[in-house]
Amino acid sequence: MTSNDKMEMRPATRGDAGAMLGLLQAVCAEGSALPFVDGIDADMIDQVWLGARGCVLACDGGGVLGMYRYGPAMPGRGAHVATATFLVGAHARRRGVGRALVEHCMASAKAAGFRAMQFNQVLGCNLPALALYRSLGFAVIGTVPDAFDHIRHGYVDAHIMYRAL
């Protein structure tokens, strides 16, 4: 963010559902980061996003710049490792919004008792995300070949990234 920008991180509420849905639909339509194709509707916002353990918005002057959700990567004996999904609107990229979201998420997950964070699908062609996660201490611990059907590049590898909290 530039020094003139004011970004607020706040928990998402039911009243944010419309803005969240618009942002999710726009990012998914890009076909270059998130796997969702069908069912990107109000029910998905209610169940997957607002129903997550933590769902936070980055806002600027009332507009939603980006959002994240986090929760356990696995149930039961694996519930101490968090996973998260992040998205930043095209209008807000290259302004530090993604970094702010990830840092906020890591702090929230740690405060909630999680011991680590794992991302299950970071695309090998998503160089900005890879650079961001690496700069925050995440490491690639595995790669799934041809795991994502990218709208421009076809099938691309997806990395699994991990970091202790």
Protein backbone atom coordinates (compact mmCIF):
# COMPACT_ATOMS: atom_id res chain seq x y z
CA MET A 1 0.00 0.00 0.00
CA THR A 2 1.19 3.49 -0.61
CA SER A 3 1.57 5.87 2.32
CA ASN A 4 -1.70 7.58 1.34
CA ASP A 5 -3.71 4.37 1.37
CA LYS A 6 -5.52 3.22 4.48
CA MET A 7 -6.23 -0.46 4.62
CA GLU A 8 -8.36 -2.04 7.31
CA MET A 9 -8.29 -5.73 8.15
CA ARG A 10 -11.58 -6.84 9.66
CA PRO A 11 -13.65 -9.97 10.13
CA ALA A 12 -16.13 -10.62 7.34
CA THR A 13 -19.82 -10.42 8.20
CA ARG A 14 -22.97 -11.61 6.49
CA GLY A 15 -23.44 -8.04 5.26
CA ASP A 16 -20.22 -8.40 3.24
CA ALA A 17 -21.46 -11.46 1.35
CA GLY A 18 -22.35 -9.59 -1.87
CA ALA A 19 -18.97 -7.86 -2.14
CA MET A 20 -17.19 -11.09 -1.27
CA LEU A 21 -19.10 -13.00 -3.93
CA GLY A 22 -18.29 -10.40 -6.58
CA LEU A 23 -14.59 -10.52 -5.71
CA LEU A 24 -14.52 -14.34 -5.65
CA GLN A 25 -16.33 -14.58 -8.99
CA ALA A 26 -13.96 -12.08 -10.61
CA VAL A 27 -10.81 -13.82 -9.38
CA CYS A 28 -12.12 -17.28 -10.31
CA ALA A 29 -13.06 -16.04 -13.81
CA GLU A 30 -9.40 -15.15 -14.36
CA GLY A 31 -8.71 -18.92 -14.32
CA SER A 32 -5.17 -18.44 -13.09
CA ALA A 33 -5.10 -19.10 -9.35
CA LEU A 34 -8.22 -20.59 -7.77
CA PRO A 35 -9.67 -23.96 -8.81
CA PHE A 36 -13.36 -23.08 -8.44
CA VAL A 37 -15.39 -23.20 -11.67
CA ASP A 38 -18.94 -24.12 -10.62
CA GLY A 39 -20.99 -23.27 -7.56
CA ILE A 40 -19.46 -19.85 -7.02
CA ASP A 41 -22.61 -18.45 -5.46
CA ALA A 42 -24.10 -17.11 -2.24
CA ASP A 43 -24.18 -20.61 -0.73
CA MET A 44 -20.44 -20.95 -1.28
CA ILE A 45 -19.83 -17.64 0.47
CA ASP A 46 -22.02 -18.73 3.40
CA GLN A 47 -20.62 -22.23 3.76
CA VAL A 48 -17.00 -22.06 2.64
CA TRP A 49 -16.03 -18.48 3.45
CA LEU A 50 -18.26 -17.17 6.23
CA GLY A 51 -18.42 -20.68 7.70
CA ALA A 52 -14.61 -20.88 8.01
CA ARG A 53 -12.89 -20.58 11.36
CA GLY A 54 -11.49 -17.22 10.29
CA CYS A 55 -12.62 -15.07 7.38
CA VAL A 56 -11.07 -11.63 7.07
CA LEU A 57 -11.40 -8.80 4.56
CA ALA A 58 -8.87 -6.16 3.56
CA CYS A 59 -10.85 -2.99 2.90
CA ASP A 60 -10.02 0.51 1.72
CA GLY A 61 -12.61 3.24 2.00
CA GLY A 62 -15.39 0.69 2.22
CA GLY A 63 -14.31 -1.32 -0.84
CA VAL A 64 -13.06 -4.89 -0.52
CA LEU A 65 -9.47 -5.26 -1.76
CA GLY A 66 -8.96 -8.89 -0.83
CA MET A 67 -9.90 -11.61 1.60
CA TYR A 68 -8.75 -14.80 3.23
CA ARG A 69 -10.19 -17.72 5.09
CA TYR A 70 -8.36 -20.23 7.22
CA GLY A 71 -9.04 -23.33 9.24
CA PRO A 72 -7.59 -26.74 10.00
CA ALA A 73 -5.92 -28.53 7.08
CA MET A 74 -7.23 -31.84 8.43
CA PRO A 75 -9.62 -32.86 11.22
CA GLY A 76 -8.71 -34.53 14.49
CA ARG A 77 -5.03 -35.31 14.93
CA GLY A 78 -4.13 -33.05 11.99
CA ALA A 79 -6.12 -30.05 13.19
CA HIS A 80 -3.06 -28.24 14.56
CA VAL A 81 -1.93 -27.39 11.01
CA ALA A 82 -3.87 -24.58 9.33
CA THR A 83 -4.57 -24.07 5.67
CA ALA A 84 -5.78 -20.89 4.02
CA THR A 85 -7.10 -19.42 0.81
CA PHE A 86 -6.21 -15.87 -0.20
CA LEU A 87 -7.42 -13.64 -2.99
CA VAL A 88 -6.76 -10.07 -3.99
CA GLY A 89 -8.83 -8.21 -6.54
CA ALA A 90 -7.09 -7.18 -9.76
CA HIS A 91 -7.65 -3.53 -8.80
CA ALA A 92 -5.63 -3.97 -5.59
CA ARG A 93 -2.63 -5.99 -6.72
CA ARG A 94 0.97 -4.82 -6.33
CA ARG A 95 -0.02 -2.65 -3.36
CA GLY A 96 0.98 -4.94 -0.48
CA VAL A 97 -2.53 -6.27 0.11
CA GLY A 98 -1.51 -9.92 -0.34
CA ARG A 99 1.38 -9.58 2.12
CA ALA A 100 -0.89 -7.89 4.66
CA LEU A 101 -3.48 -10.67 4.29
CA VAL A 102 -0.95 -13.48 4.70
CA GLU A 103 0.77 -11.84 7.68
CA HIS A 104 -2.60 -11.20 9.36
CA CYS A 105 -3.68 -14.78 8.69
CA MET A 106 -0.47 -16.26 10.11
CA ALA A 107 -0.81 -14.16 13.28
CA SER A 108 -4.50 -15.10 13.64
CA ALA A 109 -3.82 -18.80 13.12
CA LYS A 110 -0.96 -18.76 15.64
CA ALA A 111 -3.12 -16.93 18.20
CA ALA A 112 -5.82 -19.55 17.63
CA GLY A 113 -3.36 -22.31 18.57
CA PHE A 114 -2.26 -23.59 15.17
CA ARG A 115 1.36 -24.75 15.06
CA ALA A 116 1.96 -24.54 11.32
CA MET A 117 0.40 -23.48 8.03
CA GLN A 118 0.23 -25.48 4.81
CA PHE A 119 -0.89 -24.35 1.37
CA ASN A 120 -2.01 -27.24 -0.82
CA GLN A 121 -2.03 -25.61 -4.25
CA VAL A 122 0.34 -22.77 -5.11
CA LEU A 123 0.76 -22.75 -8.86
CA GLY A 124 4.28 -23.00 -10.20
CA CYS A 125 3.49 -20.20 -12.68
CA ASN A 126 2.17 -17.86 -9.96
CA LEU A 127 5.54 -16.21 -9.41
CA PRO A 128 4.25 -13.30 -7.27
CA ALA A 129 2.56 -15.70 -4.81
CA LEU A 130 5.60 -17.99 -4.67
CA ALA A 131 7.89 -15.02 -4.01
CA LEU A 132 5.58 -13.67 -1.31
CA TYR A 133 5.23 -16.99 0.51
CA ARG A 134 8.97 -17.68 0.32
CA SER A 135 9.73 -14.21 1.70
CA LEU A 136 7.51 -15.06 4.67
CA GLY A 137 9.36 -18.30 5.39
CA PHE A 138 7.27 -20.87 3.52
CA ALA A 139 9.06 -23.67 1.70
CA VAL A 140 7.93 -25.94 -1.12
CA ILE A 141 7.67 -29.42 0.40
CA GLY A 142 6.16 -31.15 -2.61
CA THR A 143 4.91 -30.66 -6.13
CA VAL A 144 1.91 -32.21 -7.86
CA PRO A 145 2.53 -32.36 -11.62
CA ASP A 146 -0.16 -30.94 -13.92
CA ALA A 147 -2.49 -30.34 -10.96
CA PHE A 148 -4.21 -27.22 -12.31
CA ASP A 149 -5.79 -26.46 -15.67
CA HIS A 150 -4.63 -22.86 -16.12
CA ILE A 151 -6.70 -20.74 -18.48
CA ARG A 152 -3.60 -19.57 -20.45
CA HIS A 153 -0.83 -22.08 -19.75
CA GLY A 154 -2.80 -25.33 -19.77
CA TYR A 155 -1.86 -27.90 -17.16
CA VAL A 156 0.63 -26.53 -14.64
CA ASP A 157 2.30 -27.93 -11.53
CA ALA A 158 1.06 -27.02 -8.07
CA HIS A 159 3.32 -26.75 -5.05
CA ILE A 160 2.54 -27.67 -1.48
CA MET A 161 4.08 -25.06 0.80
CA TYR A 162 4.64 -25.24 4.56
CA ARG A 163 5.82 -23.11 7.42
CA ALA A 164 5.86 -23.58 11.17
CA LEU A 165 4.10 -20.82 13.09
